[in-house]
């Protein structure tokens, strides 16, 4: 019964670590995709008195002129007595950015654009953009804390389990060492147990991943965010299996080395 409890403890510790790693990677992927979506829909509008072909600035991805012909037609219909042909209208441009800027980067970009005498107006929508940037930064911070907290708790459980395994197997491994048994043979039982626990942990973790992937809440959030989430679940599970086997292998080696 005690042996069963010890295995359950290690399996639960591994499952908590593996699930937290997957959730962390999933959450970061969702945030990055959402950030790309925001970036595609976000642009800076500038008003210039002359045509602009290019603006050399690291943050700027592209510049395109805004077609205002439809607006002019509406104005002509509304103000028929005014000859708009005699009015020199400014040029309107839309700037696309390479990355979502921080408030400081956005302010520096705005000051850079305003330094050109022919640029009369710069619309950055900084208030809304800053709120979005701060929200994404906060979510990333929370995901990092969550990952570290769960991993730390799981690691502590594994350390405690190592102490139990030391007491259970130290005498047997010491006797085998007296008879000159090689390192791998002394720890064969522990390696077998570690491998079995890793397989059980990855199976339980895979069930959790499938449940999260197919949950209505998760899919509703993804649809509401209007993002295309492309995740190679086979690759993720393979990565988690590698991590699980590595943790179990290192744990077993530490038990064997510290048997005395």
Protein backbone atom coordinates (compact mmCIF):
# COMPACT_ATOMS: atom_id res chain seq x y z
CA UNK A 1 0.00 0.00 0.00
CA UNK A 2 2.84 2.40 0.87
CA UNK A 3 4.53 1.54 -2.45
CA UNK A 4 1.30 2.33 -4.31
CA UNK A 5 1.00 5.67 -2.52
CA UNK A 6 4.60 6.51 -3.37
CA UNK A 7 3.94 5.86 -7.06
CA UNK A 8 0.75 7.93 -6.99
CA UNK A 9 2.66 10.80 -5.38
CA UNK A 10 5.30 10.81 -8.11
CA UNK A 11 2.74 10.40 -10.90
CA UNK A 12 0.65 13.30 -9.61
CA UNK A 13 3.77 15.43 -9.30
CA UNK A 14 4.73 14.62 -12.89
CA UNK A 15 1.19 15.26 -14.15
CA UNK A 16 1.08 18.65 -12.40
CA UNK A 17 4.41 19.66 -13.96
CA UNK A 18 3.54 18.39 -17.45
CA UNK A 19 0.07 19.94 -17.43
CA UNK A 20 1.42 23.28 -16.21
CA UNK A 21 4.07 23.24 -18.97
CA UNK A 22 1.42 22.53 -21.61
CA UNK A 23 -0.93 25.21 -20.26
CA UNK A 24 1.94 27.68 -20.14
CA UNK A 25 2.90 26.98 -23.76
CA UNK A 26 -0.74 27.04 -24.86
CA UNK A 27 -1.40 30.31 -23.07
CA UNK A 28 1.68 31.94 -24.59
CA UNK A 29 0.65 30.73 -28.05
CA UNK A 30 -2.84 32.17 -27.59
CA UNK A 31 -1.38 35.48 -26.40
CA UNK A 32 1.04 35.66 -29.32
CA UNK A 33 -1.70 34.89 -31.86
CA UNK A 34 -3.98 37.46 -30.25
CA UNK A 35 -1.16 39.99 -30.32
CA UNK A 36 -0.69 39.35 -34.05
CA UNK A 37 -4.42 39.82 -34.58
CA UNK A 38 -4.34 43.14 -32.74
CA UNK A 39 -1.23 44.18 -34.66
CA UNK A 40 -2.92 43.44 -38.00
CA UNK A 41 -5.90 45.57 -37.03
CA UNK A 42 -3.88 48.37 -35.48
CA UNK A 43 -2.35 51.19 -37.48
CA UNK A 44 -1.12 54.75 -37.01
CA UNK A 45 -2.67 57.46 -39.16
CA UNK A 46 -0.63 60.49 -40.19
CA UNK A 47 -1.65 63.63 -42.06
CA UNK A 48 0.97 65.13 -44.35
CA UNK A 49 1.14 68.12 -46.64
CA UNK A 50 3.26 66.23 -49.16
CA UNK A 51 3.49 62.73 -50.51
CA UNK A 52 5.49 60.19 -48.51
CA UNK A 53 7.02 57.13 -50.11
CA UNK A 54 8.97 55.72 -47.20
CA UNK A 55 9.72 56.36 -43.52
CA UNK A 56 12.86 54.77 -42.14
CA UNK A 57 12.13 53.68 -38.59
CA UNK A 58 12.82 50.23 -36.99
CA UNK A 59 9.28 49.81 -35.68
CA UNK A 60 7.50 50.67 -38.94
CA UNK A 61 6.63 47.73 -41.19
CA UNK A 62 4.88 49.50 -44.07
CA UNK A 63 3.24 52.75 -45.12
CA UNK A 64 0.26 53.09 -47.44
CA UNK A 65 -1.83 56.01 -48.58
CA UNK A 66 -5.45 56.13 -47.49
CA UNK A 67 -7.89 56.59 -50.35
CA UNK A 68 -10.26 59.44 -49.43
CA UNK A 69 -11.99 59.73 -52.78
CA UNK A 70 -15.21 58.22 -51.42
CA UNK A 71 -15.20 60.74 -48.57
CA UNK A 72 -14.69 63.60 -51.01
CA UNK A 73 -17.63 62.44 -53.10
CA UNK A 74 -19.85 62.47 -50.05
CA UNK A 75 -18.68 65.95 -49.18
CA UNK A 76 -19.40 67.17 -52.73
CA UNK A 77 -22.94 65.90 -52.48
CA UNK A 78 -23.43 67.42 -49.06
CA UNK A 79 -21.82 70.78 -49.85
CA UNK A 80 -22.68 71.41 -53.49
CA UNK A 81 -21.94 75.13 -53.25
CA UNK A 82 -18.32 74.52 -52.29
CA UNK A 83 -15.78 73.76 -54.99
CA UNK A 84 -13.51 71.20 -53.35
CA UNK A 85 -11.26 71.14 -56.40
CA UNK A 86 -9.84 74.50 -55.37
CA UNK A 87 -9.01 73.24 -51.89
CA UNK A 88 -5.61 71.71 -51.34
CA UNK A 89 -6.29 68.61 -49.31
CA UNK A 90 -3.58 66.91 -47.27
CA UNK A 91 -2.41 63.34 -47.74
CA UNK A 92 -3.46 60.64 -45.33
CA UNK A 93 -1.27 57.62 -44.62
CA UNK A 94 -1.61 54.45 -42.64
CA UNK A 95 1.44 53.01 -40.87
CA UNK A 96 1.68 49.32 -39.99
CA UNK A 97 4.06 48.24 -37.23
CA UNK A 98 6.28 45.19 -36.93
CA UNK A 99 5.48 44.54 -33.27
CA UNK A 100 3.01 45.79 -30.73
CA UNK A 101 4.81 48.77 -29.17
CA UNK A 102 5.12 49.56 -25.51
CA UNK A 103 3.82 52.97 -24.32
CA UNK A 104 7.40 54.32 -24.34
CA UNK A 105 8.09 53.01 -27.86
CA UNK A 106 4.81 54.46 -29.11
CA UNK A 107 5.64 57.85 -27.61
CA UNK A 108 9.10 57.84 -29.21
CA UNK A 109 7.60 56.94 -32.57
CA UNK A 110 5.05 59.73 -32.29
CA UNK A 111 7.77 62.27 -31.47
CA UNK A 112 9.86 61.00 -34.39
CA UNK A 113 6.98 61.44 -36.84
CA UNK A 114 6.15 64.90 -35.53
CA UNK A 115 9.75 65.98 -36.10
CA UNK A 116 9.03 66.14 -39.84
CA UNK A 117 7.67 69.61 -40.66
CA UNK A 118 5.31 68.31 -43.36
CA UNK A 119 3.58 65.85 -40.99
CA UNK A 120 0.82 67.89 -39.38
CA UNK A 121 -1.03 65.24 -37.40
CA UNK A 122 -0.24 61.87 -35.89
CA UNK A 123 -3.02 59.62 -34.61
CA UNK A 124 -1.63 56.75 -32.53
CA UNK A 125 -4.73 55.92 -30.46
CA UNK A 126 -2.28 55.58 -27.60
CA UNK A 127 -4.90 55.31 -24.86
CA UNK A 128 -6.51 52.13 -26.24
CA UNK A 129 -3.22 50.67 -27.39
CA UNK A 130 -1.60 51.20 -23.98
CA UNK A 131 -4.47 49.43 -22.22
CA UNK A 132 -4.13 46.45 -24.55
CA UNK A 133 -0.36 46.33 -24.15
CA UNK A 134 -0.57 46.50 -20.34
CA UNK A 135 -3.23 43.79 -20.30
CA UNK A 136 -1.11 41.45 -22.43
CA UNK A 137 1.94 42.15 -20.27
CA UNK A 138 -0.05 41.36 -17.12
CA UNK A 139 -1.35 38.09 -18.60
CA UNK A 140 2.19 37.04 -19.58
CA UNK A 141 3.39 37.80 -16.04
CA UNK A 142 0.56 35.75 -14.54
CA UNK A 143 1.32 32.81 -16.84
CA UNK A 144 5.01 32.92 -15.81
CA UNK A 145 4.11 32.95 -12.11
CA UNK A 146 1.62 30.10 -12.60
CA UNK A 147 4.23 28.03 -14.42
CA UNK A 148 6.89 28.58 -11.77
CA UNK A 149 4.50 27.93 -8.86
CA UNK A 150 3.14 24.64 -10.20
CA UNK A 151 6.60 23.43 -11.27
CA UNK A 152 8.02 24.28 -7.85
CA UNK A 153 5.26 22.39 -6.05
CA UNK A 154 5.70 19.40 -8.34
CA UNK A 155 9.46 19.46 -7.83
CA UNK A 156 9.01 19.49 -4.04
CA UNK A 157 6.75 16.45 -4.26
CA UNK A 158 9.36 14.62 -6.32
CA UNK A 159 12.11 15.53 -3.83
CA UNK A 160 10.01 14.15 -0.98
CA UNK A 161 9.41 10.98 -2.97
CA UNK A 162 13.14 10.62 -3.55
CA UNK A 163 13.66 10.48 0.19
CA UNK A 164 11.10 7.65 0.46
CA UNK A 165 12.77 5.72 -2.36
CA UNK A 166 16.15 6.11 -0.68
CA UNK A 167 14.85 4.35 2.43
CA UNK A 168 13.10 1.63 0.41
CA UNK A 169 16.01 0.68 -1.87
CA UNK A 170 19.23 1.78 -0.15
CA UNK A 171 19.89 -1.55 1.61
CA UNK A 172 19.27 -3.66 -1.51
CA UNK A 173 21.49 -1.46 -3.70
CA UNK A 174 24.25 -1.46 -1.06
CA UNK A 175 24.31 -5.25 -1.01
CA UNK A 176 24.43 -5.34 -4.82
CA UNK A 177 27.32 -2.89 -4.76
CA UNK A 178 29.25 -5.19 -2.40
CA UNK A 179 28.95 -7.94 -5.01
CA UNK A 180 30.29 -5.61 -7.71
CA UNK A 181 27.03 -5.01 -9.61
CA UNK A 182 27.34 -2.31 -12.30
CA UNK A 183 25.60 1.06 -11.94
CA UNK A 184 22.79 0.34 -14.41
CA UNK A 185 22.05 -3.07 -12.85
CA UNK A 186 21.83 -1.65 -9.32
CA UNK A 187 19.25 0.87 -10.47
CA UNK A 188 17.38 -1.39 -12.88
CA UNK A 189 14.31 -1.58 -10.65
CA UNK A 190 14.24 2.17 -10.13
CA UNK A 191 14.69 2.84 -13.85
CA UNK A 192 11.81 0.47 -14.59
CA UNK A 193 9.58 2.16 -12.02
CA UNK A 194 10.55 5.62 -13.32
CA UNK A 195 9.77 4.61 -16.91
CA UNK A 196 6.40 3.15 -15.91
CA UNK A 197 5.49 6.23 -13.87
CA UNK A 198 6.45 8.47 -16.80
CA UNK A 199 4.18 6.55 -19.16
CA UNK A 200 1.25 6.74 -16.73
CA UNK A 201 1.88 10.45 -16.17
CA UNK A 202 1.98 11.23 -19.91
CA UNK A 203 -1.23 9.23 -20.46
CA UNK A 204 -3.02 11.22 -17.75
CA UNK A 205 -1.55 14.46 -19.10
CA UNK A 206 -2.70 13.58 -22.63
CA UNK A 207 -6.22 12.99 -21.33
CA UNK A 208 -6.10 16.43 -19.71
CA UNK A 209 -4.86 18.01 -22.96
CA UNK A 210 -7.65 16.34 -24.98
CA UNK A 211 -10.21 17.53 -22.45
CA UNK A 212 -8.93 21.11 -22.62
CA UNK A 213 -8.75 21.04 -26.43
CA UNK A 214 -12.33 19.81 -26.80
CA UNK A 215 -13.88 21.84 -23.99
CA UNK A 216 -16.63 24.23 -25.04
CA UNK A 217 -15.19 27.01 -22.86
CA UNK A 218 -11.77 26.85 -24.53
CA UNK A 219 -13.22 26.84 -28.04
CA UNK A 220 -15.62 29.65 -27.17
CA UNK A 221 -12.72 31.82 -25.96
CA UNK A 222 -10.68 31.09 -29.11
CA UNK A 223 -13.65 31.95 -31.33
CA UNK A 224 -14.36 35.16 -29.40
CA UNK A 225 -10.74 36.24 -29.78
CA UNK A 226 -10.99 35.55 -33.54
CA UNK A 227 -7.62 33.88 -33.77
CA UNK A 228 -6.43 30.90 -35.79
CA UNK A 229 -4.78 28.64 -33.25
CA UNK A 230 -2.38 26.17 -34.87
CA UNK A 231 -0.92 23.75 -32.33
CA UNK A 232 0.86 20.51 -33.15
CA UNK A 233 -0.55 18.42 -30.31
CA UNK A 234 1.52 15.38 -31.28
CA UNK A 235 4.68 17.49 -30.98
CA UNK A 236 3.50 18.90 -27.63
CA UNK A 237 2.80 15.43 -26.20
CA UNK A 238 6.17 14.18 -27.48
CA UNK A 239 7.88 17.11 -25.75
CA UNK A 240 6.04 16.38 -22.50
CA UNK A 241 7.00 12.70 -22.73
CA UNK A 242 10.65 13.70 -23.13
CA UNK A 243 10.42 16.01 -20.10
CA UNK A 244 8.67 13.32 -18.05
CA UNK A 245 11.29 10.68 -18.87
CA UNK A 246 14.11 13.13 -18.18
CA UNK A 247 12.72 14.07 -14.77
CA UNK A 248 12.15 10.42 -13.82
CA UNK A 249 15.60 9.39 -15.07
CA UNK A 250 17.37 12.16 -13.18
CA UNK A 251 15.36 11.33 -10.07
CA UNK A 252 16.37 7.67 -10.27
CA UNK A 253 20.04 8.53 -10.79
CA UNK A 254 19.98 10.88 -7.79
CA UNK A 255 18.46 8.09 -5.65
CA UNK A 256 21.15 5.64 -6.71
CA UNK A 257 24.00 8.13 -6.22
CA UNK A 258 22.70 9.22 -2.83
CA UNK A 259 21.82 5.74 -1.59
CA UNK A 260 24.18 5.94 1.41
